[in-house]
């Protein structure tokens, strides 16, 4: 497993932990879980706002396959 794999696993662990904290904070968890949940929700809003901005402001490219996964088979390898 290369560096990219380790980074990807780390990001997945962080995302999963953030989701757990959001779930826990919604049920009255400890203060630190509420803080992590707030950071997770804010990061999600920032990512969503950035995605909306690129969709609205970017030029329309026809013939790009309609997806963002790479080639026609859905893979980027």
C-alpha atoms as a PDB file:
ATOM      1  CA  UNK A   1       0.000   0.000   0.000  1.00  0.00           C
ATOM      2  CA  UNK A   2       1.421   3.302  -1.063  1.00  0.00           C
ATOM      3  CA  UNK A   3       1.269   6.734   0.463  1.00  0.00           C
ATOM      4  CA  UNK A   4      -1.925   7.535  -1.456  1.00  0.00           C
ATOM      5  CA  UNK A   5      -3.632   4.496   0.075  1.00  0.00           C
ATOM      6  CA  UNK A   6      -2.612   5.497   3.589  1.00  0.00           C
ATOM      7  CA  UNK A   7      -3.867   9.046   3.010  1.00  0.00           C
ATOM      8  CA  UNK A   8      -7.159   7.748   1.635  1.00  0.00           C
ATOM      9  CA  UNK A   9      -7.663   5.444   4.617  1.00  0.00           C
ATOM     10  CA  UNK A  10      -6.858   8.338   6.957  1.00  0.00           C
ATOM     11  CA  UNK A  11      -9.425  10.563   5.266  1.00  0.00           C
ATOM     12  CA  UNK A  12     -12.042   7.818   5.466  1.00  0.00           C
ATOM     13  CA  UNK A  13     -11.356   7.327   9.178  1.00  0.00           C
ATOM     14  CA  UNK A  14     -11.691  11.074   9.782  1.00  0.00           C
ATOM     15  CA  UNK A  15     -14.933  11.249   7.809  1.00  0.00           C
ATOM     16  CA  UNK A  16     -16.377   8.245   9.652  1.00  0.00           C
ATOM     17  CA  UNK A  17     -15.333   9.695  13.012  1.00  0.00           C
ATOM     18  CA  UNK A  18     -16.945  13.015  12.124  1.00  0.00           C
ATOM     19  CA  UNK A  19     -20.189  11.271  11.190  1.00  0.00           C
ATOM     20  CA  UNK A  20     -20.164   9.352  14.473  1.00  0.00           C
ATOM     21  CA  UNK A  21     -19.663  12.605  16.377  1.00  0.00           C
ATOM     22  CA  UNK A  22     -22.555  14.262  14.516  1.00  0.00           C
ATOM     23  CA  UNK A  23     -24.775  11.301  15.413  1.00  0.00           C
ATOM     24  CA  UNK A  24     -23.596  11.312  19.039  1.00  0.00           C
ATOM     25  CA  UNK A  25     -23.876  15.095  19.437  1.00  0.00           C
ATOM     26  CA  UNK A  26     -27.461  15.000  18.161  1.00  0.00           C
ATOM     27  CA  UNK A  27     -28.223  12.757  21.127  1.00  0.00           C
ATOM     28  CA  UNK A  28     -26.567  15.002  23.716  1.00  0.00           C
ATOM     29  CA  UNK A  29     -22.993  13.743  23.649  1.00  0.00           C
ATOM     30  CA  UNK A  30     -20.080  15.377  25.431  1.00  0.00           C
ATOM     31  CA  UNK A  31     -18.862  18.870  24.594  1.00  0.00           C
ATOM     32  CA  UNK A  32     -15.885  17.647  22.547  1.00  0.00           C
ATOM     33  CA  UNK A  33     -18.184  15.514  20.369  1.00  0.00           C
ATOM     34  CA  UNK A  34     -20.400  18.547  19.746  1.00  0.00           C
ATOM     35  CA  UNK A  35     -17.307  20.554  18.762  1.00  0.00           C
ATOM     36  CA  UNK A  36     -16.145  17.850  16.337  1.00  0.00           C
ATOM     37  CA  UNK A  37     -19.688  17.623  14.944  1.00  0.00           C
ATOM     38  CA  UNK A  38     -19.766  21.386  14.363  1.00  0.00           C
ATOM     39  CA  UNK A  39     -16.431  21.234  12.522  1.00  0.00           C
ATOM     40  CA  UNK A  40     -17.650  18.277  10.443  1.00  0.00           C
ATOM     41  CA  UNK A  41     -20.909  20.001   9.484  1.00  0.00           C
ATOM     42  CA  UNK A  42     -19.083  23.253   8.659  1.00  0.00           C
ATOM     43  CA  UNK A  43     -16.587  21.389   6.470  1.00  0.00           C
ATOM     44  CA  UNK A  44     -19.483  19.713   4.679  1.00  0.00           C
ATOM     45  CA  UNK A  45     -21.121  23.072   4.013  1.00  0.00           C
ATOM     46  CA  UNK A  46     -17.845  24.509   2.684  1.00  0.00           C
ATOM     47  CA  UNK A  47     -17.391  21.556   0.326  1.00  0.00           C
ATOM     48  CA  UNK A  48     -21.012  21.808  -0.823  1.00  0.00           C
ATOM     49  CA  UNK A  49     -20.728  25.576  -1.416  1.00  0.00           C
ATOM     50  CA  UNK A  50     -17.525  25.074  -3.396  1.00  0.00           C
ATOM     51  CA  UNK A  51     -19.170  22.373  -5.491  1.00  0.00           C
ATOM     52  CA  UNK A  52     -22.151  24.631  -6.206  1.00  0.00           C
ATOM     53  CA  UNK A  53     -19.848  27.498  -7.189  1.00  0.00           C
ATOM     54  CA  UNK A  54     -17.906  25.349  -9.660  1.00  0.00           C
ATOM     55  CA  UNK A  55     -21.105  23.998 -11.206  1.00  0.00           C
ATOM     56  CA  UNK A  56     -22.600  27.475 -11.670  1.00  0.00           C
ATOM     57  CA  UNK A  57     -19.470  29.326 -12.739  1.00  0.00           C
ATOM     58  CA  UNK A  58     -17.739  26.708 -14.826  1.00  0.00           C
ATOM     59  CA  UNK A  59     -18.124  26.550 -18.595  1.00  0.00           C
ATOM     60  CA  UNK A  60     -20.349  23.833 -19.985  1.00  0.00           C
ATOM     61  CA  UNK A  61     -18.348  21.155 -21.749  1.00  0.00           C
ATOM     62  CA  UNK A  62     -20.260  18.920 -24.069  1.00  0.00           C
ATOM     63  CA  UNK A  63     -19.064  15.398 -24.707  1.00  0.00           C
ATOM     64  CA  UNK A  64     -17.334  14.902 -21.366  1.00  0.00           C
ATOM     65  CA  UNK A  65     -19.316  11.768 -20.539  1.00  0.00           C
ATOM     66  CA  UNK A  66     -21.520  13.523 -17.991  1.00  0.00           C
ATOM     67  CA  UNK A  67     -19.616  12.152 -15.010  1.00  0.00           C
ATOM     68  CA  UNK A  68     -16.624  13.092 -12.929  1.00  0.00           C
ATOM     69  CA  UNK A  69     -15.218   9.596 -12.390  1.00  0.00           C
ATOM     70  CA  UNK A  70     -12.738   9.589 -15.215  1.00  0.00           C
ATOM     71  CA  UNK A  71     -12.989   7.473 -18.340  1.00  0.00           C
ATOM     72  CA  UNK A  72     -15.976   5.890 -19.993  1.00  0.00           C
ATOM     73  CA  UNK A  73     -15.678   2.794 -17.799  1.00  0.00           C
ATOM     74  CA  UNK A  74     -15.891   4.881 -14.612  1.00  0.00           C
ATOM     75  CA  UNK A  75     -12.299   4.248 -13.577  1.00  0.00           C
ATOM     76  CA  UNK A  76      -9.355   6.571 -13.621  1.00  0.00           C
ATOM     77  CA  UNK A  77      -6.530   3.987 -13.564  1.00  0.00           C
END
